[in-house]
Structures are given as structure tokens and as C-alpha cells.
Amino acid sequence: WRCNCYRLLATNLAAYKKSLVEGRLGAPGGGAGWGAGKALSDW
């Protein structure tokens, strides 16, 4: 179960990073996070 959590986290973070670099996430400082911290807390 923990392996699955870490795998999902790594995959999602890589997608966020790619979208950020490609300019598809919007500008930083908009007040919205990615939800990754919440997922870690929930897990």
C-alpha cells in the first residue's frame, strides 16, 4: 500500500512539474496548491 502511495505521488509530481515547465498550470502565486500535501496527510 505504501509503495502504491509513493508511486502515485512520484507520478503526480512529475506531471505537475511537466505542466509547470510547459506553462499549463498558471502562474505561481495564485493561491492554489497541487493537493500533494493533502494526499500525504490523508494517506
Full PDB file with SEQRES, HELIX, SHEET, SSBOND, CRYST1, ORIGX, SCALE, CONECT and MASTER records, all heavy atoms in Angstrom:
SEQRES   1 A   43  TRP ARG CYS ASN CYS TYR ARG LEU LEU ALA THR ASN LEU          
SEQRES   2 A   43  ALA ALA TYR LYS LYS SER LEU VAL GLU GLY ARG LEU GLY          
SEQRES   3 A   43  ALA PRO GLY GLY GLY ALA GLY TRP GLY ALA GLY LYS ALA          
SEQRES   4 A   43  LEU SER ASP TRP                                              
HELIX    1 AA1 ARG A    2  VAL A   21  1                                  20    
HELIX    2 AA2 ALA A   36  ASP A   42  1                                   7    
CRYST1    1.000    1.000    1.000  90.00  90.00  90.00 P 1           1          
ORIGX1      1.000000  0.000000  0.000000        0.00000                         
ORIGX2      0.000000  1.000000  0.000000        0.00000                         
ORIGX3      0.000000  0.000000  1.000000        0.00000                         
SCALE1      1.000000  0.000000  0.000000        0.00000                         
SCALE2      0.000000  1.000000  0.000000        0.00000                         
SCALE3      0.000000  0.000000  1.000000        0.00000                         
ATOM      1  N   TRP A   1       0.831  -1.206   0.000  1.00  0.00           N  
ATOM      2  CA  TRP A   1       0.000   0.000   0.000  1.00  0.00           C  
ATOM      3  C   TRP A   1       0.864   1.254   0.000  1.00  0.00           C  
ATOM      4  O   TRP A   1       0.626   2.187  -0.760  1.00  0.00           O  
ATOM      5  CB  TRP A   1      -0.947  -0.007   1.205  1.00  0.00           C  
ATOM      6  CG  TRP A   1      -1.853   1.177   1.227  1.00  0.00           C  
ATOM      7  CD1 TRP A   1      -3.004   1.347   0.504  1.00  0.00           C  
ATOM      8  CD2 TRP A   1      -1.680   2.373   1.968  1.00  0.00           C  
ATOM      9  NE1 TRP A   1      -3.554   2.576   0.768  1.00  0.00           N  
ATOM     10  CE2 TRP A   1      -2.760   3.225   1.668  1.00  0.00           C  
ATOM     11  CE3 TRP A   1      -0.706   2.817   2.864  1.00  0.00           C  
ATOM     12  CZ2 TRP A   1      -2.909   4.489   2.229  1.00  0.00           C  
ATOM     13  CZ3 TRP A   1      -0.853   4.084   3.424  1.00  0.00           C  
ATOM     14  CH2 TRP A   1      -1.934   4.894   3.105  1.00  0.00           C  
ATOM     15  N   ARG A   2       1.896   1.269   0.843  1.00  0.00           N  
ATOM     16  CA  ARG A   2       2.790   2.430   0.892  1.00  0.00           C  
ATOM     17  C   ARG A   2       3.540   2.585  -0.438  1.00  0.00           C  
ATOM     18  O   ARG A   2       3.753   3.698  -0.902  1.00  0.00           O  
ATOM     19  CB  ARG A   2       3.755   2.304   2.071  1.00  0.00           C  
ATOM     20  CG  ARG A   2       3.045   2.477   3.415  1.00  0.00           C  
ATOM     21  CD  ARG A   2       3.988   2.251   4.586  1.00  0.00           C  
ATOM     22  NE  ARG A   2       5.036   3.239   4.654  1.00  0.00           N  
ATOM     23  CZ  ARG A   2       4.970   4.377   5.352  1.00  0.00           C  
ATOM     24  NH1 ARG A   2       3.888   4.658   6.036  1.00  0.00           N  
ATOM     25  NH2 ARG A   2       5.984   5.210   5.363  1.00  0.00           N  
ATOM     26  N   CYS A   3       3.945   1.460  -1.040  1.00  0.00           N  
ATOM     27  CA  CYS A   3       4.588   1.518  -2.365  1.00  0.00           C  
ATOM     28  C   CYS A   3       3.668   2.202  -3.369  1.00  0.00           C  
ATOM     29  O   CYS A   3       4.113   3.059  -4.138  1.00  0.00           O  
ATOM     30  CB  CYS A   3       4.927   0.114  -2.868  1.00  0.00           C  
ATOM     31  SG  CYS A   3       6.384  -0.607  -2.148  1.00  0.00           S  
ATOM     32  N   ASN A   4       2.410   1.819  -3.357  1.00  0.00           N  
ATOM     33  CA  ASN A   4       1.449   2.433  -4.282  1.00  0.00           C  
ATOM     34  C   ASN A   4       1.307   3.929  -4.033  1.00  0.00           C  
ATOM     35  O   ASN A   4       1.201   4.712  -4.977  1.00  0.00           O  
ATOM     36  CB  ASN A   4       0.087   1.741  -4.187  1.00  0.00           C  
ATOM     37  CG  ASN A   4       0.101   0.352  -4.771  1.00  0.00           C  
ATOM     38  OD1 ASN A   4       0.934   0.025  -5.614  1.00  0.00           O  
ATOM     39  ND2 ASN A   4      -0.809  -0.487  -4.313  1.00  0.00           N  
ATOM     40  N   CYS A   5       1.308   4.329  -2.771  1.00  0.00           N  
ATOM     41  CA  CYS A   5       1.217   5.754  -2.440  1.00  0.00           C  
ATOM     42  C   CYS A   5       2.428   6.520  -2.977  1.00  0.00           C  
ATOM     43  O   CYS A   5       2.277   7.581  -3.599  1.00  0.00           O  
ATOM     44  CB  CYS A   5       1.112   5.948  -0.927  1.00  0.00           C  
ATOM     45  SG  CYS A   5      -0.429   5.366  -0.198  1.00  0.00           S  
ATOM     46  N   TYR A   6       3.622   5.994  -2.721  1.00  0.00           N  
ATOM     47  CA  TYR A   6       4.831   6.672  -3.205  1.00  0.00           C  
ATOM     48  C   TYR A   6       4.894   6.689  -4.735  1.00  0.00           C  
ATOM     49  O   TYR A   6       5.322   7.670  -5.333  1.00  0.00           O  
ATOM     50  CB  TYR A   6       6.090   6.027  -2.620  1.00  0.00           C  
ATOM     51  CG  TYR A   6       6.295   6.371  -1.169  1.00  0.00           C  
ATOM     52  CD1 TYR A   6       6.341   5.382  -0.192  1.00  0.00           C  
ATOM     53  CD2 TYR A   6       6.448   7.692  -0.753  1.00  0.00           C  
ATOM     54  CE1 TYR A   6       6.534   5.691   1.147  1.00  0.00           C  
ATOM     55  CE2 TYR A   6       6.642   8.018   0.585  1.00  0.00           C  
ATOM     56  CZ  TYR A   6       6.680   7.019   1.526  1.00  0.00           C  
ATOM     57  OH  TYR A   6       6.866   7.334   2.844  1.00  0.00           O  
ATOM     58  N   ARG A   7       4.461   5.613  -5.368  1.00  0.00           N  
ATOM     59  CA  ARG A   7       4.448   5.561  -6.834  1.00  0.00           C  
ATOM     60  C   ARG A   7       3.498   6.629  -7.394  1.00  0.00           C  
ATOM     61  O   ARG A   7       3.843   7.358  -8.317  1.00  0.00           O  
ATOM     62  CB  ARG A   7       4.031   4.179  -7.316  1.00  0.00           C  
ATOM     63  CG  ARG A   7       4.068   4.027  -8.837  1.00  0.00           C  
ATOM     64  CD  ARG A   7       3.693   2.620  -9.294  1.00  0.00           C  
ATOM     65  NE  ARG A   7       4.684   1.644  -8.823  1.00  0.00           N  
ATOM     66  CZ  ARG A   7       4.461   0.740  -7.856  1.00  0.00           C  
ATOM     67  NH1 ARG A   7       3.297   0.655  -7.264  1.00  0.00           N  
ATOM     68  NH2 ARG A   7       5.416  -0.093  -7.500  1.00  0.00           N  
ATOM     69  N   LEU A   8       2.307   6.705  -6.822  1.00  0.00           N  
ATOM     70  CA  LEU A   8       1.325   7.696  -7.262  1.00  0.00           C  
ATOM     71  C   LEU A   8       1.834   9.115  -7.019  1.00  0.00           C  
ATOM     72  O   LEU A   8       1.690   9.992  -7.874  1.00  0.00           O  
ATOM     73  CB  LEU A   8      -0.006   7.476  -6.548  1.00  0.00           C  
ATOM     74  CG  LEU A   8      -1.143   8.415  -6.929  1.00  0.00           C  
ATOM     75  CD1 LEU A   8      -1.464   8.310  -8.413  1.00  0.00           C  
ATOM     76  CD2 LEU A   8      -2.371   8.092  -6.082  1.00  0.00           C  
ATOM     77  N   LEU A   9       2.443   9.332  -5.868  1.00  0.00           N  
ATOM     78  CA  LEU A   9       2.988  10.648  -5.554  1.00  0.00           C  
ATOM     79  C   LEU A   9       4.067  11.047  -6.564  1.00  0.00           C  
ATOM     80  O   LEU A   9       4.039  12.165  -7.105  1.00  0.00           O  
ATOM     81  CB  LEU A   9       3.560  10.655  -4.139  1.00  0.00           C  
ATOM     82  CG  LEU A   9       4.147  11.975  -3.671  1.00  0.00           C  
ATOM     83  CD1 LEU A   9       3.083  13.071  -3.630  1.00  0.00           C  
ATOM     84  CD2 LEU A   9       4.787  11.806  -2.298  1.00  0.00           C  
ATOM     85  N   ALA A  10       5.009  10.150  -6.834  1.00  0.00           N  
ATOM     86  CA  ALA A  10       6.082  10.453  -7.789  1.00  0.00           C  
ATOM     87  C   ALA A  10       5.512  10.745  -9.176  1.00  0.00           C  
ATOM     88  O   ALA A  10       5.935  11.686  -9.849  1.00  0.00           O  
ATOM     89  CB  ALA A  10       7.084   9.297  -7.855  1.00  0.00           C  
ATOM     90  N   THR A  11       4.542   9.953  -9.588  1.00  0.00           N  
ATOM     91  CA  THR A  11       3.925  10.140 -10.906  1.00  0.00           C  
ATOM     92  C   THR A  11       3.208  11.478 -10.992  1.00  0.00           C  
ATOM     93  O   THR A  11       3.358  12.215 -11.972  1.00  0.00           O  
ATOM     94  CB  THR A  11       2.941   8.984 -11.194  1.00  0.00           C  
ATOM     95  OG1 THR A  11       3.671   7.754 -11.179  1.00  0.00           O  
ATOM     96  CG2 THR A  11       2.255   9.155 -12.535  1.00  0.00           C  
ATOM     97  N   ASN A  12       2.432  11.797  -9.962  1.00  0.00           N  
ATOM     98  CA  ASN A  12       1.695  13.060  -9.973  1.00  0.00           C  
ATOM     99  C   ASN A  12       2.620  14.263  -9.902  1.00  0.00           C  
ATOM    100  O   ASN A  12       2.411  15.255 -10.601  1.00  0.00           O  
ATOM    101  CB  ASN A  12       0.680  13.101  -8.831  1.00  0.00           C  
ATOM    102  CG  ASN A  12      -0.516  12.216  -9.093  1.00  0.00           C  
ATOM    103  OD1 ASN A  12      -0.728  11.760 -10.208  1.00  0.00           O  
ATOM    104  ND2 ASN A  12      -1.291  11.959  -8.063  1.00  0.00           N  
ATOM    105  N   LEU A  13       3.655  14.181  -9.079  1.00  0.00           N  
ATOM    106  CA  LEU A  13       4.607  15.291  -9.002  1.00  0.00           C  
ATOM    107  C   LEU A  13       5.319  15.501 -10.336  1.00  0.00           C  
ATOM    108  O   LEU A  13       5.554  16.642 -10.746  1.00  0.00           O  
ATOM    109  CB  LEU A  13       5.618  15.055  -7.878  1.00  0.00           C  
ATOM    110  CG  LEU A  13       5.085  15.200  -6.456  1.00  0.00           C  
ATOM    111  CD1 LEU A  13       6.138  14.755  -5.455  1.00  0.00           C  
ATOM    112  CD2 LEU A  13       4.635  16.629  -6.174  1.00  0.00           C  
ATOM    113  N   ALA A  14       5.656  14.427 -11.010  1.00  0.00           N  
ATOM    114  CA  ALA A  14       6.295  14.554 -12.329  1.00  0.00           C  
ATOM    115  C   ALA A  14       5.345  15.230 -13.316  1.00  0.00           C  
ATOM    116  O   ALA A  14       5.779  16.064 -14.130  1.00  0.00           O  
ATOM    117  CB  ALA A  14       6.723  13.181 -12.845  1.00  0.00           C  
ATOM    118  N   ALA A  15       4.065  14.900 -13.238  1.00  0.00           N  
ATOM    119  CA  ALA A  15       3.080  15.538 -14.124  1.00  0.00           C  
ATOM    120  C   ALA A  15       2.929  17.021 -13.790  1.00  0.00           C  
ATOM    121  O   ALA A  15       2.837  17.863 -14.693  1.00  0.00           O  
ATOM    122  CB  ALA A  15       1.740  14.825 -14.018  1.00  0.00           C  
ATOM    123  N   TYR A  16       2.895  17.357 -12.491  1.00  0.00           N  
ATOM    124  CA  TYR A  16       2.816  18.767 -12.092  1.00  0.00           C  
ATOM    125  C   TYR A  16       4.031  19.532 -12.609  1.00  0.00           C  
ATOM    126  O   TYR A  16       3.911  20.631 -13.147  1.00  0.00           O  
ATOM    127  CB  TYR A  16       2.771  18.916 -10.567  1.00  0.00           C  
ATOM    128  CG  TYR A  16       1.572  18.325  -9.893  1.00  0.00           C  
ATOM    129  CD1 TYR A  16       1.700  17.693  -8.667  1.00  0.00           C  
ATOM    130  CD2 TYR A  16       0.296  18.386 -10.460  1.00  0.00           C  
ATOM    131  CE1 TYR A  16       0.608  17.131  -8.019  1.00  0.00           C  
ATOM    132  CE2 TYR A  16      -0.794  17.838  -9.824  1.00  0.00           C  
ATOM    133  CZ  TYR A  16      -0.636  17.216  -8.606  1.00  0.00           C  
ATOM    134  OH  TYR A  16      -1.714  16.675  -7.962  1.00  0.00           O  
ATOM    135  N   LYS A  17       5.205  18.938 -12.435  1.00  0.00           N  
ATOM    136  CA  LYS A  17       6.442  19.594 -12.879  1.00  0.00           C  
ATOM    137  C   LYS A  17       6.414  19.827 -14.386  1.00  0.00           C  
ATOM    138  O   LYS A  17       6.735  20.925 -14.854  1.00  0.00           O  
ATOM    139  CB  LYS A  17       7.648  18.747 -12.488  1.00  0.00           C  
ATOM    140  CG  LYS A  17       8.964  19.339 -12.940  1.00  0.00           C  
ATOM    141  CD  LYS A  17      10.117  18.411 -12.593  1.00  0.00           C  
ATOM    142  CE  LYS A  17      11.339  18.794 -13.378  1.00  0.00           C  
ATOM    143  NZ  LYS A  17      12.336  17.757 -13.363  1.00  0.00           N  
ATOM    144  N   LYS A  18       6.018  18.827 -15.137  1.00  0.00           N  
ATOM    145  CA  LYS A  18       5.956  18.957 -16.600  1.00  0.00           C  
ATOM    146  C   LYS A  18       4.977  20.060 -16.997  1.00  0.00           C  
ATOM    147  O   LYS A  18       5.291  20.914 -17.840  1.00  0.00           O  
ATOM    148  CB  LYS A  18       5.542  17.623 -17.219  1.00  0.00           C  
ATOM    149  CG  LYS A  18       5.499  17.633 -18.737  1.00  0.00           C  
ATOM    150  CD  LYS A  18       5.163  16.232 -19.271  1.00  0.00           C  
ATOM    151  CE  LYS A  18       5.352  16.164 -20.762  1.00  0.00           C  
ATOM    152  NZ  LYS A  18       4.203  16.360 -21.531  1.00  0.00           N  
ATOM    153  N   SER A  19       3.812  20.069 -16.388  1.00  0.00           N  
ATOM    154  CA  SER A  19       2.805  21.089 -16.699  1.00  0.00           C  
ATOM    155  C   SER A  19       3.295  22.481 -16.308  1.00  0.00           C  
ATOM    156  O   SER A  19       3.050  23.459 -17.019  1.00  0.00           O  
ATOM    157  CB  SER A  19       1.495  20.788 -15.980  1.00  0.00           C  
ATOM    158  OG  SER A  19       0.920  19.605 -16.489  1.00  0.00           O  
ATOM    159  N   LEU A  20       3.986  22.577 -15.172  1.00  0.00           N  
ATOM    160  CA  LEU A  20       4.534  23.855 -14.729  1.00  0.00           C  
ATOM    161  C   LEU A  20       5.530  24.396 -15.745  1.00  0.00           C  
ATOM    162  O   LEU A  20       5.430  25.541 -16.185  1.00  0.00           O  
ATOM    163  CB  LEU A  20       5.222  23.680 -13.369  1.00  0.00           C  
ATOM    164  CG  LEU A  20       6.011  24.882 -12.859  1.00  0.00           C  
ATOM    165  CD1 LEU A  20       5.058  25.977 -12.423  1.00  0.00           C  
ATOM    166  CD2 LEU A  20       6.919  24.465 -11.708  1.00  0.00           C  
ATOM    167  N   VAL A  21       6.472  23.555 -16.139  1.00  0.00           N  
ATOM    168  CA  VAL A  21       7.529  23.966 -17.068  1.00  0.00           C  
ATOM    169  C   VAL A  21       6.936  24.327 -18.436  1.00  0.00           C  
ATOM    170  O   VAL A  21       7.406  25.243 -19.098  1.00  0.00           O  
ATOM    171  CB  VAL A  21       8.604  22.865 -17.179  1.00  0.00           C  
ATOM    172  CG1 VAL A  21       9.587  23.150 -18.283  1.00  0.00           C  
ATOM    173  CG2 VAL A  21       9.326  22.717 -15.840  1.00  0.00           C  
ATOM    174  N   GLU A  22       5.875  23.623 -18.816  1.00  0.00           N  
ATOM    175  CA  GLU A  22       5.224  23.907 -20.104  1.00  0.00           C  
ATOM    176  C   GLU A  22       4.242  25.073 -20.034  1.00  0.00           C  
ATOM    177  O   GLU A  22       3.650  25.439 -21.044  1.00  0.00           O  
ATOM    178  CB  GLU A  22       4.500  22.651 -20.592  1.00  0.00           C  
ATOM    179  CG  GLU A  22       5.448  21.533 -20.979  1.00  0.00           C  
ATOM    180  CD  GLU A  22       4.733  20.236 -21.325  1.00  0.00           C  
ATOM    181  OE1 GLU A  22       3.487  20.137 -21.143  1.00  0.00           O  
ATOM    182  OE2 GLU A  22       5.421  19.304 -21.787  1.00  0.00           O  
ATOM    183  N   GLY A  23       4.055  25.654 -18.852  1.00  0.00           N  
ATOM    184  CA  GLY A  23       3.176  26.809 -18.703  1.00  0.00           C  
ATOM    185  C   GLY A  23       1.694  26.481 -18.668  1.00  0.00           C  
ATOM    186  O   GLY A  23       0.858  27.349 -18.899  1.00  0.00           O  
ATOM    187  N   ARG A  24       1.360  25.241 -18.346  1.00  0.00           N  
ATOM    188  CA  ARG A  24      -0.050  24.833 -18.343  1.00  0.00           C  
ATOM    189  C   ARG A  24      -0.694  24.876 -16.958  1.00  0.00           C  
ATOM    190  O   ARG A  24      -1.874  24.590 -16.839  1.00  0.00           O  
ATOM    191  CB  ARG A  24      -0.196  23.432 -18.935  1.00  0.00           C  
ATOM    192  CG  ARG A  24       0.182  23.392 -20.423  1.00  0.00           C  
ATOM    193  CD  ARG A  24      -0.045  22.025 -21.041  1.00  0.00           C  
ATOM    194  NE  ARG A  24       0.912  21.067 -20.510  1.00  0.00           N  
ATOM    195  CZ  ARG A  24       0.597  19.842 -20.076  1.00  0.00           C  
ATOM    196  NH1 ARG A  24      -0.630  19.419 -20.118  1.00  0.00           N  
ATOM    197  NH2 ARG A  24       1.532  19.042 -19.626  1.00  0.00           N  
ATOM    198  N   LEU A  25       0.042  25.241 -15.929  1.00  0.00           N  
ATOM    199  CA  LEU A  25      -0.519  25.270 -14.578  1.00  0.00           C  
ATOM    200  C   LEU A  25      -0.980  26.653 -14.148  1.00  0.00           C  
ATOM    201  O   LEU A  25      -1.573  26.797 -13.097  1.00  0.00           O  
ATOM    202  CB  LEU A  25       0.511  24.788 -13.550  1.00  0.00           C  
ATOM    203  CG  LEU A  25       0.712  23.308 -13.415  1.00  0.00           C  
ATOM    204  CD1 LEU A  25       1.675  23.013 -12.273  1.00  0.00           C  
ATOM    205  CD2 LEU A  25      -0.592  22.589 -13.168  1.00  0.00           C  
ATOM    206  N   GLY A  26      -0.712  27.641 -14.930  1.00  0.00           N  
ATOM    207  CA  GLY A  26      -0.981  29.006 -14.478  1.00  0.00           C  
ATOM    208  C   GLY A  26       0.233  29.520 -13.726  1.00  0.00           C  
ATOM    209  O   GLY A  26       1.170  28.785 -13.419  1.00  0.00           O  
ATOM    210  N   ALA A  27       0.189  30.786 -13.437  1.00  0.00           N  
ATOM    211  CA  ALA A  27       1.336  31.433 -12.800  1.00  0.00           C  
ATOM    212  C   ALA A  27       1.436  31.044 -11.324  1.00  0.00           C  
ATOM    213  O   ALA A  27       0.415  30.924 -10.645  1.00  0.00           O  
ATOM    214  CB  ALA A  27       1.214  32.942 -12.932  1.00  0.00           C  
ATOM    215  N   PRO A  28       2.658  30.868 -10.837  1.00  0.00           N  
ATOM    216  CA  PRO A  28       2.840  30.654  -9.400  1.00  0.00           C  
ATOM    217  C   PRO A  28       2.316  31.857  -8.625  1.00  0.00           C  
ATOM    218  O   PRO A  28       2.311  32.982  -9.118  1.00  0.00           O  
ATOM    219  CB  PRO A  28       4.358  30.540  -9.243  1.00  0.00           C  
ATOM    220  CG  PRO A  28       4.856  30.114 -10.587  1.00  0.00           C  
ATOM    221  CD  PRO A  28       3.922  30.778 -11.566  1.00  0.00           C  
ATOM    222  N   GLY A  29       1.884  31.602  -7.417  1.00  0.00           N  
ATOM    223  CA  GLY A  29       1.393  32.682  -6.564  1.00  0.00           C  
ATOM    224  C   GLY A  29      -0.103  32.875  -6.644  1.00  0.00           C  
ATOM    225  O   GLY A  29      -0.642  33.829  -6.093  1.00  0.00           O  
ATOM    226  N   GLY A  30      -0.786  31.969  -7.291  1.00  0.00           N  
ATOM    227  CA  GLY A  30      -2.233  32.103  -7.447  1.00  0.00           C  
ATOM    228  C   GLY A  30      -3.038  31.645  -6.245  1.00  0.00           C  
ATOM    229  O   GLY A  30      -4.262  31.745  -6.236  1.00  0.00           O  
ATOM    230  N   GLY A  31      -2.372  31.129  -5.235  1.00  0.00           N  
ATOM    231  CA  GLY A  31      -3.050  30.714  -4.018  1.00  0.00           C  
ATOM    232  C   GLY A  31      -3.537  29.282  -4.007  1.00  0.00           C  
ATOM    233  O   GLY A  31      -4.066  28.815  -3.008  1.00  0.00           O  
ATOM    234  N   ALA A  32      -3.374  28.569  -5.107  1.00  0.00           N  
ATOM    235  CA  ALA A  32      -3.813  27.164  -5.166  1.00  0.00           C  
ATOM    236  C   ALA A  32      -2.601  26.250  -5.144  1.00  0.00           C  
ATOM    237  O   ALA A  32      -1.595  26.522  -5.794  1.00  0.00           O  
ATOM    238  CB  ALA A  32      -4.618  26.912  -6.435  1.00  0.00           C  
ATOM    239  N   GLY A  33      -2.716  25.179  -4.401  1.00  0.00           N  
ATOM    240  CA  GLY A  33      -1.664  24.168  -4.372  1.00  0.00           C  
ATOM    241  C   GLY A  33      -2.008  23.048  -5.338  1.00  0.00           C  
ATOM    242  O   GLY A  33      -2.908  23.175  -6.169  1.00  0.00           O  
ATOM    243  N   TRP A  34      -1.292  21.947  -5.213  1.00  0.00           N  
ATOM    244  CA  TRP A  34      -1.493  20.806  -6.101  1.00  0.00           C  
ATOM    245  C   TRP A  34      -2.291  19.702  -5.429  1.00  0.00           C  
ATOM    246  O   TRP A  34      -2.722  18.774  -6.090  1.00  0.00           O  
ATOM    247  CB  TRP A  34      -0.149  20.235  -6.531  1.00  0.00           C  
ATOM    248  CG  TRP A  34       0.731  21.175  -7.261  1.00  0.00           C  
ATOM    249  CD1 TRP A  34       0.340  22.185  -8.081  1.00  0.00           C  
ATOM    250  CD2 TRP A  34       2.153  21.192  -7.257  1.00  0.00           C  
ATOM    251  NE1 TRP A  34       1.438  22.829  -8.591  1.00  0.00           N  
ATOM    252  CE2 TRP A  34       2.560  22.236  -8.103  1.00  0.00           C  
ATOM    253  CE3 TRP A  34       3.114  20.419  -6.634  1.00  0.00           C  
ATOM    254  CZ2 TRP A  34       3.893  22.541  -8.334  1.00  0.00           C  
ATOM    255  CZ3 TRP A  34       4.444  20.714  -6.861  1.00  0.00           C  
ATOM    256  CH2 TRP A  34       4.827  21.763  -7.701  1.00  0.00           C  
ATOM    257  N   GLY A  35      -2.409  19.747  -4.123  1.00  0.00           N  
ATOM    258  CA  GLY A  35      -3.090  18.686  -3.406  1.00  0.00           C  
ATOM    259  C   GLY A  35      -2.171  17.561  -2.957  1.00  0.00           C  
ATOM    260  O   GLY A  35      -2.621  16.622  -2.306  1.00  0.00           O  
ATOM    261  N   ALA A  36      -0.911  17.642  -3.297  1.00  0.00           N  
ATOM    262  CA  ALA A  36       0.026  16.570  -2.937  1.00  0.00           C  
ATOM    263  C   ALA A  36       0.234  16.497  -1.428  1.00  0.00           C  
ATOM    264  O   ALA A  36       0.282  15.409  -0.852  1.00  0.00           O  
ATOM    265  CB  ALA A  36       1.357  16.764  -3.656  1.00  0.00           C  
ATOM    266  N   GLY A  37       0.343  17.637  -0.799  1.00  0.00           N  
ATOM    267  CA  GLY A  37       0.497  17.658   0.657  1.00  0.00           C  
ATOM    268  C   GLY A  37      -0.722  17.085   1.357  1.00  0.00           C  
ATOM    269  O   GLY A  37      -0.608  16.338   2.327  1.00  0.00           O  
ATOM    270  N   LYS A  38      -1.892  17.401   0.842  1.00  0.00           N  
ATOM    271  CA  LYS A  38      -3.139  16.866   1.407  1.00  0.00           C  
ATOM    272  C   LYS A  38      -3.190  15.357   1.231  1.00  0.00           C  
ATOM    273  O   LYS A  38      -3.591  14.636   2.146  1.00  0.00           O  
ATOM    274  CB  LYS A  38      -4.335  17.520   0.730  1.00  0.00           C  
ATOM    275  CG  LYS A  38      -5.666  16.884   1.066  1.00  0.00           C  
ATOM    276  CD  LYS A  38      -6.565  17.828   1.791  1.00  0.00           C  
ATOM    277  CE  LYS A  38      -7.956  17.292   2.037  1.00  0.00           C  
ATOM    278  NZ  LYS A  38      -8.081  16.069   2.754  1.00  0.00           N  
ATOM    279  N   ALA A  39      -2.779  14.889   0.064  1.00  0.00           N  
ATOM    280  CA  ALA A  39      -2.775  13.440  -0.173  1.00  0.00           C  
ATOM    281  C   ALA A  39      -1.863  12.739   0.831  1.00  0.00           C  
ATOM    282  O   ALA A  39      -2.245  11.721   1.413  1.00  0.00           O  
ATOM    283  CB  ALA A  39      -2.335  13.135  -1.601  1.00  0.00           C  
ATOM    284  N   LEU A  40      -0.685  13.295   1.059  1.00  0.00           N  
ATOM    285  CA  LEU A  40       0.233  12.686   2.029  1.00  0.00           C  
ATOM    286  C   LEU A  40      -0.399  12.632   3.411  1.00  0.00           C  
ATOM    287  O   LEU A  40      -0.288  11.633   4.119  1.00  0.00           O  
ATOM    288  CB  LEU A  40       1.543  13.474   2.094  1.00  0.00           C  
ATOM    289  CG  LEU A  40       2.565  13.177   1.026  1.00  0.00           C  
ATOM    290  CD1 LEU A  40       3.714  14.160   1.101  1.00  0.00           C  
ATOM    291  CD2 LEU A  40       3.071  11.761   1.145  1.00  0.00           C  
ATOM    292  N   SER A  41      -1.071  13.691   3.786  1.00  0.00           N  
ATOM    293  CA  SER A  41      -1.743  13.737   5.075  1.00  0.00           C  
ATOM    294  C   SER A  41      -2.865  12.698   5.141  1.00  0.00           C  
ATOM    295  O   SER A  41      -2.995  11.967   6.128  1.00  0.00           O  
ATOM    296  CB  SER A  41      -2.299  15.138   5.303  1.00  0.00           C  
ATOM    297  OG  SER A  41      -3.033  15.190   6.495  1.00  0.00           O  
ATOM    298  N   ASP A  42      -3.666  12.639   4.093  1.00  0.00           N  
ATOM    299  CA  ASP A  42      -4.774  11.680   4.048  1.00  0.00           C  
ATOM    300  C   ASP A  42      -4.269  10.235   4.087  1.00  0.00           C  
ATOM    301  O   ASP A  42      -4.900   9.372   4.691  1.00  0.00           O  
ATOM    302  CB  ASP A  42      -5.626  11.877   2.791  1.00  0.00           C  
ATOM    303  CG  ASP A  42      -6.451  13.154   2.832  1.00  0.00           C  
ATOM    304  OD1 ASP A  42      -6.521  13.803   3.904  1.00  0.00           O  
ATOM    305  OD2 ASP A  42      -7.008  13.513   1.778  1.00  0.00           O  
ATOM    306  N   TRP A  43      -3.159   9.981   3.423  1.00  0.00           N  
ATOM    307  CA  TRP A  43      -2.603   8.620   3.392  1.00  0.00           C  
ATOM    308  C   TRP A  43      -1.962   8.244   4.721  1.00  0.00           C  
ATOM    309  O   TRP A  43      -1.706   7.077   4.976  1.00  0.00           O  
ATOM    310  CB  TRP A  43      -1.574   8.486   2.282  1.00  0.00           C  
ATOM    311  CG  TRP A  43      -2.130   8.597   0.900  1.00  0.00           C  
ATOM    312  CD1 TRP A  43      -3.413   8.332   0.512  1.00  0.00           C  
ATOM    313  CD2 TRP A  43      -1.433   8.981  -0.271  1.00  0.00           C  
ATOM    314  NE1 TRP A  43      -3.544   8.547  -0.833  1.00  0.00           N  
ATOM    315  CE2 TRP A  43      -2.348   8.943  -1.345  1.00  0.00           C  
ATOM    316  CE3 TRP A  43      -0.117   9.360  -0.528  1.00  0.00           C  
ATOM    317  CZ2 TRP A  43      -1.998   9.267  -2.648  1.00  0.00           C  
ATOM    318  CZ3 TRP A  43       0.247   9.695  -1.823  1.00  0.00           C  
ATOM    319  CH2 TRP A  43      -0.692   9.640  -2.878  1.00  0.00           C  
TER     320      TRP A  43                                                      
MASTER        0    0    0    2    0    0    0    6  319    1    0    4          
END                                                                             
